[in-house]
Amino acid sequence: MGWVMLRKGLFVTWLTLLLCLPPAAWAGGTILVYGDSLSAAYGLPQDAGWASLLQARLKQQRMDYTVTNVSISGETTSGGAARIAAVLRAHKPKVVIVELGANDGLRGLPPREMRTNLAKIVSASQRAKARVLLVGMQMPPNYGETYTRAFARVYPDLARKYKTALVPFLLQGMAERRELFQSDDMHPTAAAQPILMENVWKALAPLLK
């Protein structure tokens, strides 16, 4: 009888402690970073990139998520749409951070094609029961007002249509600061990565609760 009571007491104590854990402690799974060179830490050590900084933030917050970064430098939305099904099957993410489109813009590809490709990625992720964070990009003014406006509208339009979370502009707070870009004037430096991570974190954190 004493052993039974002891076991019962230990169970109640364990259950009480478990129920007192903050909501984040119950969370878990894979956060998939699905992007291009801006997320692949181009020109930098991998542990300096914003995706690695995100993993450190999650550990600091005691959130049991693993960041899996499958970003590819030079990736377009077309390439992303072509491989999304296989990536979802392989990783079974709880959250997908979609950061694509910059290379479409740099090549002057039609925003309507980018919209179609991103929609395929978002809808495939949602069918796989993943929450989606869409990360927006903007083109510099030398691409012309008509193109830059059409390009920028793609992200909020898709976020509304598919009811996803949205980072309006990944480079917010640093786009005009030349010292935060590498010598190619395109890729952020290591010093810029915490800014990128914070821009993502603001929209990501509510999805993890």
N, C-alpha and C. Protein backbone atom coordinates (compact mmCIF):
# COMPACT_ATOMS: atom_id res chain seq x y z
N MET A 1 0.83 -1.21 0.00
CA MET A 1 0.00 0.00 0.00
C MET A 1 0.87 1.26 0.00
N GLY A 2 1.97 1.23 0.81
CA GLY A 2 2.85 2.39 0.88
C GLY A 2 3.47 2.72 -0.46
N TRP A 3 3.88 1.67 -1.21
CA TRP A 3 4.49 1.88 -2.53
C TRP A 3 3.49 2.48 -3.50
N VAL A 4 2.25 2.00 -3.43
CA VAL A 4 1.20 2.54 -4.30
C VAL A 4 0.97 4.01 -4.01
N MET A 5 0.90 4.35 -2.74
CA MET A 5 0.68 5.76 -2.36
C MET A 5 1.85 6.62 -2.80
N LEU A 6 3.07 6.09 -2.68
CA LEU A 6 4.25 6.85 -3.10
C LEU A 6 4.21 7.11 -4.59
N ARG A 7 3.88 6.06 -5.35
CA ARG A 7 3.78 6.23 -6.81
C ARG A 7 2.72 7.25 -7.16
N LYS A 8 1.59 7.19 -6.45
CA LYS A 8 0.51 8.14 -6.70
C LYS A 8 0.95 9.56 -6.38
N GLY A 9 1.69 9.70 -5.28
CA GLY A 9 2.17 11.03 -4.90
C GLY A 9 3.15 11.59 -5.91
N LEU A 10 4.05 10.74 -6.42
CA LEU A 10 5.00 11.17 -7.43
C LEU A 10 4.30 11.58 -8.71
N PHE A 11 3.25 10.84 -9.08
CA PHE A 11 2.50 11.16 -10.30
C PHE A 11 1.82 12.52 -10.16
N VAL A 12 1.20 12.76 -9.00
CA VAL A 12 0.52 14.04 -8.79
C VAL A 12 1.50 15.19 -8.83
N THR A 13 2.68 14.97 -8.21
CA THR A 13 3.71 16.02 -8.22
C THR A 13 4.18 16.30 -9.65
N TRP A 14 4.42 15.25 -10.42
CA TRP A 14 4.86 15.40 -11.82
C TRP A 14 3.81 16.13 -12.65
N LEU A 15 2.53 15.73 -12.44
CA LEU A 15 1.45 16.34 -13.20
C LEU A 15 1.30 17.81 -12.84
N THR A 16 1.43 18.14 -11.57
CA THR A 16 1.33 19.52 -11.13
C THR A 16 2.41 20.38 -11.76
N LEU A 17 3.65 19.86 -11.75
CA LEU A 17 4.75 20.60 -12.36
C LEU A 17 4.53 20.80 -13.85
N LEU A 18 4.02 19.77 -14.51
CA LEU A 18 3.80 19.84 -15.95
C LEU A 18 2.75 20.88 -16.29
N LEU A 19 1.69 20.92 -15.50
CA LEU A 19 0.61 21.88 -15.77
C LEU A 19 1.04 23.31 -15.49
N CYS A 20 2.07 23.47 -14.68
CA CYS A 20 2.55 24.82 -14.35
C CYS A 20 3.54 25.36 -15.37
N LEU A 21 3.95 24.53 -16.31
CA LEU A 21 4.89 25.01 -17.32
C LEU A 21 4.25 26.07 -18.18
N PRO A 22 5.01 27.09 -18.62
CA PRO A 22 4.46 28.10 -19.51
C PRO A 22 4.06 27.46 -20.83
N PRO A 23 3.09 28.06 -21.57
CA PRO A 23 2.62 27.48 -22.82
C PRO A 23 3.73 27.14 -23.79
N ALA A 24 4.77 28.01 -23.84
CA ALA A 24 5.84 27.77 -24.81
C ALA A 24 6.56 26.45 -24.56
N ALA A 25 6.55 26.01 -23.30
CA ALA A 25 7.26 24.78 -22.98
C ALA A 25 6.57 23.56 -23.57
N TRP A 26 5.29 23.68 -23.92
CA TRP A 26 4.57 22.59 -24.54
C TRP A 26 4.85 22.51 -26.05
N ALA A 27 5.35 23.61 -26.60
CA ALA A 27 5.51 23.70 -28.05
C ALA A 27 6.66 22.84 -28.51
N GLY A 28 6.73 22.62 -29.81
CA GLY A 28 7.84 21.87 -30.35
C GLY A 28 7.64 21.61 -31.82
N GLY A 29 8.70 21.11 -32.45
CA GLY A 29 8.61 20.81 -33.86
C GLY A 29 9.66 21.56 -34.65
N THR A 30 9.52 21.48 -35.96
CA THR A 30 10.50 22.07 -36.87
C THR A 30 9.98 23.39 -37.43
N ILE A 31 10.83 24.38 -37.40
CA ILE A 31 10.58 25.64 -38.11
C ILE A 31 11.45 25.60 -39.36
N LEU A 32 10.82 25.59 -40.50
CA LEU A 32 11.53 25.48 -41.77
C LEU A 32 11.78 26.87 -42.35
N VAL A 33 13.04 27.20 -42.57
CA VAL A 33 13.39 28.46 -43.24
C VAL A 33 13.59 28.14 -44.71
N TYR A 34 12.72 28.70 -45.53
CA TYR A 34 12.65 28.34 -46.96
C TYR A 34 12.92 29.61 -47.77
N GLY A 35 14.19 29.86 -48.05
CA GLY A 35 14.52 31.13 -48.66
C GLY A 35 15.67 31.06 -49.66
N ASP A 36 16.26 32.22 -49.88
CA ASP A 36 17.36 32.36 -50.83
C ASP A 36 18.62 32.78 -50.07
N SER A 37 19.54 33.48 -50.74
CA SER A 37 20.81 33.82 -50.11
C SER A 37 20.66 34.72 -48.90
N LEU A 38 19.57 35.48 -48.82
CA LEU A 38 19.35 36.35 -47.67
C LEU A 38 19.12 35.54 -46.40
N SER A 39 18.70 34.31 -46.56
CA SER A 39 18.50 33.43 -45.41
C SER A 39 19.56 32.35 -45.32
N ALA A 40 20.36 32.18 -46.37
CA ALA A 40 21.38 31.14 -46.41
C ALA A 40 22.72 31.61 -45.88
N ALA A 41 22.76 32.82 -45.27
CA ALA A 41 24.00 33.38 -44.72
C ALA A 41 25.09 33.47 -45.77
N TYR A 42 24.73 33.94 -46.95
CA TYR A 42 25.68 34.05 -48.06
C TYR A 42 26.89 34.90 -47.65
N GLY A 43 28.08 34.37 -47.89
CA GLY A 43 29.31 35.10 -47.60
C GLY A 43 29.68 35.15 -46.13
N LEU A 44 28.94 34.40 -45.29
CA LEU A 44 29.15 34.45 -43.84
C LEU A 44 29.27 33.03 -43.29
N PRO A 45 29.86 32.88 -42.11
CA PRO A 45 29.77 31.58 -41.43
C PRO A 45 28.31 31.27 -41.14
N GLN A 46 27.92 30.02 -41.25
CA GLN A 46 26.51 29.66 -41.06
C GLN A 46 25.98 30.08 -39.70
N ASP A 47 26.81 30.00 -38.68
CA ASP A 47 26.31 30.34 -37.35
C ASP A 47 26.14 31.84 -37.15
N ALA A 48 26.53 32.65 -38.15
CA ALA A 48 26.33 34.09 -38.06
C ALA A 48 25.03 34.53 -38.70
N GLY A 49 24.39 33.66 -39.47
CA GLY A 49 23.17 34.01 -40.19
C GLY A 49 21.97 34.18 -39.27
N TRP A 50 20.95 34.88 -39.77
CA TRP A 50 19.79 35.16 -38.92
C TRP A 50 19.05 33.89 -38.52
N ALA A 51 19.07 32.86 -39.36
CA ALA A 51 18.39 31.62 -39.00
C ALA A 51 19.06 30.96 -37.79
N SER A 52 20.37 31.00 -37.73
CA SER A 52 21.08 30.47 -36.56
C SER A 52 20.82 31.32 -35.33
N LEU A 53 20.74 32.62 -35.52
CA LEU A 53 20.41 33.51 -34.39
C LEU A 53 19.00 33.24 -33.89
N LEU A 54 18.11 32.88 -34.81
CA LEU A 54 16.76 32.51 -34.42
C LEU A 54 16.76 31.27 -33.54
N GLN A 55 17.56 30.27 -33.90
CA GLN A 55 17.65 29.07 -33.06
C GLN A 55 18.14 29.43 -31.66
N ALA A 56 19.10 30.34 -31.58
CA ALA A 56 19.61 30.76 -30.27
C ALA A 56 18.52 31.47 -29.47
N ARG A 57 17.71 32.28 -30.14
CA ARG A 57 16.61 32.98 -29.46
C ARG A 57 15.59 31.98 -28.92
N LEU A 58 15.26 30.97 -29.69
CA LEU A 58 14.31 29.96 -29.25
C LEU A 58 14.83 29.21 -28.02
N LYS A 59 16.12 28.90 -28.04
CA LYS A 59 16.72 28.23 -26.88
C LYS A 59 16.67 29.13 -25.67
N GLN A 60 16.96 30.40 -25.87
CA GLN A 60 16.92 31.37 -24.78
C GLN A 60 15.52 31.47 -24.19
N GLN A 61 14.50 31.40 -25.07
CA GLN A 61 13.11 31.50 -24.63
C GLN A 61 12.55 30.16 -24.16
N ARG A 62 13.39 29.13 -24.16
CA ARG A 62 12.99 27.78 -23.76
C ARG A 62 11.82 27.25 -24.61
N MET A 63 11.88 27.54 -25.89
CA MET A 63 10.89 27.04 -26.84
C MET A 63 11.49 25.85 -27.58
N ASP A 64 10.81 24.74 -27.51
CA ASP A 64 11.38 23.49 -28.01
C ASP A 64 11.16 23.32 -29.52
N TYR A 65 11.70 24.25 -30.28
CA TYR A 65 11.63 24.19 -31.73
C TYR A 65 13.04 24.03 -32.30
N THR A 66 13.12 23.36 -33.43
CA THR A 66 14.38 23.22 -34.15
C THR A 66 14.26 23.95 -35.48
N VAL A 67 15.19 24.84 -35.74
CA VAL A 67 15.22 25.58 -37.00
C VAL A 67 15.98 24.75 -38.03
N THR A 68 15.32 24.45 -39.14
CA THR A 68 15.95 23.74 -40.25
C THR A 68 15.99 24.68 -41.44
N ASN A 69 17.19 25.05 -41.84
CA ASN A 69 17.36 26.04 -42.90
C ASN A 69 17.69 25.33 -44.22
N VAL A 70 16.75 25.36 -45.15
CA VAL A 70 16.96 24.73 -46.46
C VAL A 70 17.05 25.79 -47.56
N SER A 71 17.44 26.99 -47.17
CA SER A 71 17.56 28.08 -48.13
C SER A 71 18.69 27.82 -49.12
N ILE A 72 18.50 28.28 -50.35
CA ILE A 72 19.48 28.09 -51.41
C ILE A 72 19.80 29.44 -52.05
N SER A 73 21.06 29.78 -52.07
CA SER A 73 21.47 31.03 -52.72
C SER A 73 21.09 31.00 -54.20
N GLY A 74 20.49 32.09 -54.67
CA GLY A 74 20.07 32.19 -56.06
C GLY A 74 18.69 31.63 -56.32
N GLU A 75 18.03 31.09 -55.30
CA GLU A 75 16.72 30.47 -55.49
C GLU A 75 15.67 31.50 -55.91
N THR A 76 14.83 31.11 -56.86
CA THR A 76 13.69 31.93 -57.29
C THR A 76 12.41 31.31 -56.75
N THR A 77 11.31 32.03 -56.89
CA THR A 77 10.04 31.46 -56.44
C THR A 77 9.65 30.25 -57.28
N SER A 78 10.06 30.24 -58.55
CA SER A 78 9.79 29.09 -59.39
C SER A 78 10.50 27.85 -58.87
N GLY A 79 11.77 27.99 -58.53
CA GLY A 79 12.51 26.87 -57.96
C GLY A 79 11.93 26.43 -56.63
N GLY A 80 11.53 27.40 -55.83
CA GLY A 80 10.92 27.08 -54.54
C GLY A 80 9.63 26.31 -54.69
N ALA A 81 8.81 26.73 -55.65
CA ALA A 81 7.54 26.04 -55.88
C ALA A 81 7.76 24.61 -56.36
N ALA A 82 8.82 24.41 -57.14
CA ALA A 82 9.09 23.08 -57.71
C ALA A 82 9.52 22.08 -56.64
N ARG A 83 10.19 22.53 -55.59
CA ARG A 83 10.72 21.58 -54.61
C ARG A 83 9.97 21.56 -53.29
N ILE A 84 8.93 22.39 -53.14
CA ILE A 84 8.29 22.50 -51.84
C ILE A 84 7.67 21.19 -51.38
N ALA A 85 7.04 20.45 -52.25
CA ALA A 85 6.37 19.22 -51.83
C ALA A 85 7.35 18.24 -51.22
N ALA A 86 8.50 18.05 -51.87
CA ALA A 86 9.50 17.12 -51.36
C ALA A 86 10.08 17.59 -50.04
N VAL A 87 10.29 18.89 -49.90
CA VAL A 87 10.84 19.43 -48.66
C VAL A 87 9.86 19.25 -47.51
N LEU A 88 8.58 19.49 -47.77
CA LEU A 88 7.57 19.31 -46.72
C LEU A 88 7.49 17.85 -46.28
N ARG A 89 7.58 16.94 -47.24
CA ARG A 89 7.54 15.51 -46.88
C ARG A 89 8.76 15.13 -46.04
N ALA A 90 9.90 15.70 -46.38
CA ALA A 90 11.14 15.32 -45.69
C ALA A 90 11.21 15.87 -44.26
N HIS A 91 10.68 17.07 -44.05
CA HIS A 91 10.90 17.74 -42.76
C HIS A 91 9.65 17.86 -41.89
N LYS A 92 8.46 17.76 -42.48
CA LYS A 92 7.20 17.83 -41.72
C LYS A 92 7.21 19.01 -40.73
N PRO A 93 7.39 20.22 -41.22
CA PRO A 93 7.51 21.37 -40.32
C PRO A 93 6.18 21.77 -39.67
N LYS A 94 6.30 22.38 -38.50
CA LYS A 94 5.14 22.99 -37.86
C LYS A 94 4.94 24.42 -38.38
N VAL A 95 6.06 25.07 -38.73
CA VAL A 95 6.03 26.45 -39.24
C VAL A 95 6.95 26.53 -40.45
N VAL A 96 6.50 27.24 -41.49
CA VAL A 96 7.33 27.48 -42.67
C VAL A 96 7.52 28.98 -42.84
N ILE A 97 8.77 29.42 -42.82
CA ILE A 97 9.10 30.81 -43.08
C ILE A 97 9.49 30.91 -44.55
N VAL A 98 8.66 31.56 -45.34
CA VAL A 98 8.89 31.66 -46.79
C VAL A 98 9.55 33.00 -47.09
N GLU A 99 10.81 32.94 -47.46
CA GLU A 99 11.57 34.16 -47.79
C GLU A 99 12.11 34.01 -49.21
N LEU A 100 11.28 34.30 -50.18
CA LEU A 100 11.66 34.19 -51.59
C LEU A 100 11.08 35.36 -52.38
N GLY A 101 11.70 35.63 -53.51
CA GLY A 101 11.21 36.69 -54.38
C GLY A 101 12.27 37.69 -54.79
N ALA A 102 13.30 37.84 -53.97
CA ALA A 102 14.34 38.83 -54.29
C ALA A 102 14.99 38.54 -55.64
N ASN A 103 15.27 37.27 -55.91
CA ASN A 103 15.92 36.93 -57.17
C ASN A 103 14.98 37.08 -58.37
N ASP A 104 13.69 36.90 -58.14
CA ASP A 104 12.72 37.20 -59.20
C ASP A 104 12.79 38.67 -59.56
N GLY A 105 12.84 39.51 -58.52
CA GLY A 105 12.89 40.95 -58.75
C GLY A 105 14.16 41.38 -59.44
N LEU A 106 15.30 40.84 -59.00
CA LEU A 106 16.58 41.22 -59.60
C LEU A 106 16.64 40.85 -61.07
N ARG A 107 15.91 39.82 -61.46
CA ARG A 107 15.86 39.40 -62.86
C ARG A 107 14.72 40.08 -63.63
N GLY A 108 13.96 40.90 -62.94
CA GLY A 108 12.86 41.61 -63.60
C GLY A 108 11.73 40.70 -64.01
N LEU A 109 11.55 39.57 -63.33
CA LEU A 109 10.48 38.65 -63.68
C LEU A 109 9.12 39.24 -63.30
N PRO A 110 8.07 38.90 -64.03
CA PRO A 110 6.76 39.50 -63.77
C PRO A 110 6.25 39.19 -62.36
N PRO A 111 5.80 40.20 -61.63
CA PRO A 111 5.25 39.96 -60.29
C PRO A 111 4.10 38.96 -60.27
N ARG A 112 3.31 38.90 -61.35
CA ARG A 112 2.20 37.95 -61.37
C ARG A 112 2.70 36.51 -61.32
N GLU A 113 3.86 36.25 -61.95
CA GLU A 113 4.43 34.91 -61.88
C GLU A 113 4.94 34.62 -60.47
N MET A 114 5.54 35.61 -59.86
CA MET A 114 6.02 35.46 -58.49
C MET A 114 4.84 35.18 -57.56
N ARG A 115 3.75 35.89 -57.76
CA ARG A 115 2.55 35.69 -56.95
C ARG A 115 2.05 34.25 -57.07
N THR A 116 1.99 33.75 -58.29
CA THR A 116 1.52 32.39 -58.52
C THR A 116 2.42 31.37 -57.84
N ASN A 117 3.73 31.55 -57.96
CA ASN A 117 4.67 30.61 -57.35
C ASN A 117 4.61 30.64 -55.83
N LEU A 118 4.55 31.83 -55.26
CA LEU A 118 4.47 31.94 -53.81
C LEU A 118 3.16 31.35 -53.29
N ALA A 119 2.09 31.54 -54.04
CA ALA A 119 0.80 30.96 -53.65
C ALA A 119 0.89 29.44 -53.60
N LYS A 120 1.61 28.85 -54.54
CA LYS A 120 1.78 27.39 -54.53
C LYS A 120 2.54 26.94 -53.28
N ILE A 121 3.57 27.70 -52.91
CA ILE A 121 4.37 27.35 -51.73
C ILE A 121 3.54 27.47 -50.46
N VAL A 122 2.81 28.58 -50.36
CA VAL A 122 1.99 28.82 -49.16
C VAL A 122 0.89 27.77 -49.04
N SER A 123 0.17 27.54 -50.12
CA SER A 123 -0.94 26.60 -50.06
C SER A 123 -0.46 25.17 -49.79
N ALA A 124 0.67 24.78 -50.37
CA ALA A 124 1.22 23.45 -50.09
C ALA A 124 1.60 23.32 -48.63
N SER A 125 2.18 24.36 -48.06
CA SER A 125 2.57 24.34 -46.65
C SER A 125 1.34 24.23 -45.76
N GLN A 126 0.30 24.97 -46.09
CA GLN A 126 -0.92 24.92 -45.29
C GLN A 126 -1.61 23.57 -45.40
N ARG A 127 -1.59 22.98 -46.59
CA ARG A 127 -2.17 21.63 -46.73
C ARG A 127 -1.41 20.62 -45.89
N ALA A 128 -0.12 20.89 -45.67
CA ALA A 128 0.70 20.01 -44.83
C ALA A 128 0.55 20.35 -43.34
N LYS A 129 -0.44 21.20 -43.02
CA LYS A 129 -0.76 21.56 -41.64
C LYS A 129 0.30 22.43 -40.97
N ALA A 130 1.08 23.14 -41.78
CA ALA A 130 2.09 24.05 -41.22
C ALA A 130 1.55 25.47 -41.19
N ARG A 131 1.94 26.20 -40.16
CA ARG A 131 1.65 27.63 -40.12
C ARG A 131 2.69 28.33 -40.98
N VAL A 132 2.29 29.41 -41.65
CA VAL A 132 3.18 30.06 -42.63
C VAL A 132 3.46 31.50 -42.22
N LEU A 133 4.72 31.87 -42.32
CA LEU A 133 5.15 33.25 -42.19
C LEU A 133 5.74 33.68 -43.52
N LEU A 134 5.11 34.64 -44.16
CA LEU A 134 5.57 35.14 -45.45
C LEU A 134 6.45 36.37 -45.22
N VAL A 135 7.64 36.33 -45.77
CA VAL A 135 8.62 37.40 -45.57
C VAL A 135 8.70 38.25 -46.83
N GLY A 136 8.34 39.53 -46.69
CA GLY A 136 8.28 40.42 -47.83
C GLY A 136 9.62 41.02 -48.23
N MET A 137 9.70 41.39 -49.48
CA MET A 137 10.89 42.02 -50.04
C MET A 137 10.43 43.22 -50.87
N GLN A 138 11.35 44.15 -51.09
CA GLN A 138 11.08 45.31 -51.94
C GLN A 138 12.24 45.51 -52.90
N MET A 139 11.92 46.08 -54.05
CA MET A 139 12.94 46.38 -55.03
C MET A 139 13.36 47.85 -54.95
N PRO A 140 14.62 48.17 -55.27
CA PRO A 140 15.06 49.56 -55.25
C PRO A 140 14.36 50.38 -56.32
N PRO A 141 14.30 51.69 -56.14
CA PRO A 141 13.52 52.56 -57.04
C PRO A 141 13.99 52.56 -58.49
N ASN A 142 15.23 52.16 -58.76
CA ASN A 142 15.71 52.18 -60.15
C ASN A 142 15.00 51.14 -61.03
N TYR A 143 14.18 50.28 -60.42
CA TYR A 143 13.39 49.34 -61.21
C TYR A 143 12.10 49.97 -61.73
N GLY A 144 11.86 51.19 -61.34
CA GLY A 144 10.67 51.90 -61.82
C GLY A 144 9.49 51.74 -60.88
N GLU A 145 8.69 52.81 -60.76
CA GLU A 145 7.60 52.81 -59.79
C GLU A 145 6.56 51.73 -60.08
N THR A 146 6.24 51.55 -61.35
CA THR A 146 5.21 50.55 -61.69
C THR A 146 5.62 49.16 -61.24
N TYR A 147 6.87 48.79 -61.54
CA TYR A 147 7.34 47.46 -61.17
C TYR A 147 7.49 47.31 -59.66
N THR A 148 8.11 48.28 -59.01
CA THR A 148 8.37 48.16 -57.58
C THR A 148 7.07 48.10 -56.78
N ARG A 149 6.07 48.86 -57.19
CA ARG A 149 4.79 48.83 -56.47
C ARG A 149 4.08 47.49 -56.67
N ALA A 150 4.08 46.99 -57.89
CA ALA A 150 3.44 45.70 -58.16
C ALA A 150 4.15 44.58 -57.41
N PHE A 151 5.47 44.66 -57.38
CA PHE A 151 6.28 43.65 -56.68
C PHE A 151 5.96 43.66 -55.19
N ALA A 152 5.99 44.82 -54.57
CA ALA A 152 5.79 44.92 -53.12
C ALA A 152 4.39 44.50 -52.71
N ARG A 153 3.40 44.71 -53.58
CA ARG A 153 2.01 44.37 -53.24
C ARG A 153 1.77 42.86 -53.14
N VAL A 154 2.62 42.08 -53.79
CA VAL A 154 2.41 40.64 -53.82
C VAL A 154 2.33 40.06 -52.41
N TYR A 155 3.21 40.48 -51.52
CA TYR A 155 3.32 39.87 -50.20
C TYR A 155 2.10 40.15 -49.30
N PRO A 156 1.72 41.41 -49.11
CA PRO A 156 0.52 41.63 -48.28
C PRO A 156 -0.75 41.07 -48.90
N ASP A 157 -0.84 41.08 -50.22
CA ASP A 157 -2.02 40.50 -50.87
C ASP A 157 -2.13 39.01 -50.58
N LEU A 158 -1.01 38.28 -50.70
CA LEU A 158 -1.03 36.85 -50.42
C LEU A 158 -1.28 36.57 -48.94
N ALA A 159 -0.69 37.40 -48.08
CA ALA A 159 -0.89 37.20 -46.64
C ALA A 159 -2.37 37.35 -46.28
N ARG A 160 -3.04 38.31 -46.89
CA ARG A 160 -4.48 38.47 -46.63
C ARG A 160 -5.27 37.30 -47.20
N LYS A 161 -4.95 36.91 -48.42
CA LYS A 161 -5.71 35.84 -49.06
C LYS A 161 -5.58 34.52 -48.31
N TYR A 162 -4.38 34.19 -47.89
CA TYR A 162 -4.15 32.90 -47.24
C TYR A 162 -4.10 32.99 -45.72
N LYS A 163 -4.32 34.21 -45.20
CA LYS A 163 -4.35 34.42 -43.75
C LYS A 163 -3.07 33.95 -43.07
N THR A 164 -1.94 34.36 -43.63
CA THR A 164 -0.65 34.02 -43.05
C THR A 164 -0.11 35.19 -42.25
N ALA A 165 0.88 34.92 -41.43
CA ALA A 165 1.64 35.99 -40.80
C ALA A 165 2.52 36.64 -41.86
N LEU A 166 2.94 37.88 -41.60
CA LEU A 166 3.69 38.63 -42.61
C LEU A 166 4.79 39.48 -41.98
N VAL A 167 5.99 39.38 -42.54
CA VAL A 167 7.05 40.36 -42.30
C VAL A 167 7.00 41.31 -43.50
N PRO A 168 6.58 42.55 -43.33
CA PRO A 168 6.40 43.43 -44.48
C PRO A 168 7.66 43.59 -45.34
N PHE A 169 8.84 43.69 -44.68
CA PHE A 169 10.08 43.91 -45.43
C PHE A 169 11.23 43.37 -44.60
N LEU A 170 11.90 42.32 -45.09
CA LEU A 170 12.97 41.69 -44.33
C LEU A 170 14.08 42.67 -43.97
N LEU A 171 14.39 43.60 -44.86
CA LEU A 171 15.51 44.51 -44.65
C LEU A 171 15.11 45.81 -43.96
N GLN A 172 13.93 45.82 -43.35
CA GLN A 172 13.47 47.02 -42.65
C GLN A 172 14.49 47.45 -41.59
N GLY A 173 14.84 48.74 -41.60
CA GLY A 173 15.76 49.26 -40.60
C GLY A 173 17.22 49.19 -41.00
N MET A 174 17.51 48.63 -42.19
CA MET A 174 18.91 48.53 -42.60
C MET A 174 19.12 48.75 -44.09
N ALA A 175 18.04 48.79 -44.86
CA ALA A 175 18.15 48.85 -46.32
C ALA A 175 18.94 50.06 -46.81
N GLU A 176 18.89 51.16 -46.06
CA GLU A 176 19.58 52.38 -46.48
C GLU A 176 20.96 52.53 -45.86
N ARG A 177 21.39 51.55 -45.11
CA ARG A 177 22.67 51.65 -44.40
C ARG A 177 23.73 50.83 -45.14
N ARG A 178 24.51 51.49 -45.95
CA ARG A 178 25.50 50.84 -46.80
C ARG A 178 26.48 50.00 -46.00
N GLU A 179 26.80 50.42 -44.78
CA GLU A 179 27.80 49.70 -44.00
C GLU A 179 27.31 48.32 -43.54
N LEU A 180 26.02 48.06 -43.68
CA LEU A 180 25.46 46.77 -43.28
C LEU A 180 25.36 45.78 -44.43
N PHE A 181 25.97 46.14 -45.57
CA PHE A 181 25.97 45.24 -46.72
C PHE A 181 27.41 44.86 -47.08
N GLN A 182 27.56 43.66 -47.61
CA GLN A 182 28.85 43.21 -48.08
C GLN A 182 29.28 44.00 -49.31
N SER A 183 30.45 43.71 -49.82
CA SER A 183 31.01 44.50 -50.93
C SER A 183 30.19 44.43 -52.20
N ASP A 184 29.30 43.42 -52.31
CA ASP A 184 28.46 43.33 -53.51
C ASP A 184 27.24 44.25 -53.44
N ASP A 185 27.08 44.95 -52.30
CA ASP A 185 25.95 45.86 -52.09
C ASP A 185 24.59 45.15 -52.12
N MET A 186 24.59 43.85 -51.96
CA MET A 186 23.35 43.09 -52.02
C MET A 186 23.11 42.25 -50.76
N HIS A 187 24.16 41.66 -50.23
CA HIS A 187 23.99 40.71 -49.14
C HIS A 187 24.38 41.33 -47.80
N PRO A 188 23.53 41.17 -46.80
CA PRO A 188 23.81 41.76 -45.48
C PRO A 188 25.05 41.16 -44.82
N THR A 189 25.70 41.98 -44.03
CA THR A 189 26.88 41.56 -43.28
C THR A 189 26.45 40.81 -42.01
N ALA A 190 27.45 40.31 -41.29
CA ALA A 190 27.16 39.66 -40.01
C ALA A 190 26.51 40.63 -39.04
N ALA A 191 26.92 41.90 -39.09
CA ALA A 191 26.36 42.90 -38.18
C ALA A 191 24.89 43.16 -38.45
N ALA A 192 24.43 42.87 -39.66
CA ALA A 192 23.04 43.09 -40.01
C ALA A 192 22.13 41.93 -39.62
N GLN A 193 22.69 40.77 -39.37
CA GLN A 193 21.88 39.57 -39.13
C GLN A 193 20.96 39.68 -37.92
N PRO A 194 21.40 40.31 -36.81
CA PRO A 194 20.46 40.48 -35.70
C PRO A 194 19.24 41.34 -36.07
N ILE A 195 19.42 42.29 -36.95
CA ILE A 195 18.29 43.11 -37.39
C ILE A 195 17.30 42.26 -38.17
N LEU A 196 17.82 41.44 -39.08
CA LEU A 196 16.96 40.55 -39.85
C LEU A 196 16.21 39.59 -38.92
N MET A 197 16.93 39.03 -37.95
CA MET A 197 16.30 38.10 -37.03
C MET A 197 15.17 38.77 -36.24
N GLU A 198 15.40 39.98 -35.79
CA GLU A 198 14.36 40.69 -35.02
C GLU A 198 13.16 41.00 -35.90
N ASN A 199 13.40 41.34 -37.16
CA ASN A 199 12.28 41.60 -38.07
C ASN A 199 11.42 40.35 -38.23
N VAL A 200 12.08 39.20 -38.33
CA VAL A 200 11.35 37.93 -38.45
C VAL A 200 10.68 37.57 -37.12
N TRP A 201 11.39 37.75 -36.05
CA TRP A 201 10.90 37.34 -34.73
C TRP A 201 9.57 38.02 -34.36
N LYS A 202 9.44 39.28 -34.70
CA LYS A 202 8.23 40.02 -34.34
C LYS A 202 6.98 39.35 -34.91
N ALA A 203 7.09 38.83 -36.11
CA ALA A 203 5.94 38.18 -36.74
C ALA A 203 5.86 36.69 -36.41
N LEU A 204 7.00 36.08 -36.11
CA LEU A 204 7.05 34.65 -35.85
C LEU A 204 6.57 34.30 -34.45
N ALA A 205 6.95 35.08 -33.46
CA ALA A 205 6.68 34.73 -32.07
C ALA A 205 5.22 34.39 -31.79
N PRO A 206 4.25 35.15 -32.32
CA PRO A 206 2.84 34.79 -32.06
C PRO A 206 2.44 33.43 -32.60
N LEU A 207 3.14 32.93 -33.63
CA LEU A 207 2.80 31.63 -34.20
C LEU A 207 3.27 30.48 -33.32
N LEU A 208 4.15 30.77 -32.37
CA LEU A 208 4.75 29.71 -31.56
C LEU A 208 4.06 29.52 -30.23
N LYS A 209 3.03 30.29 -29.95
CA LYS A 209 2.35 30.21 -28.67
C LYS A 209 1.21 29.20 -28.73
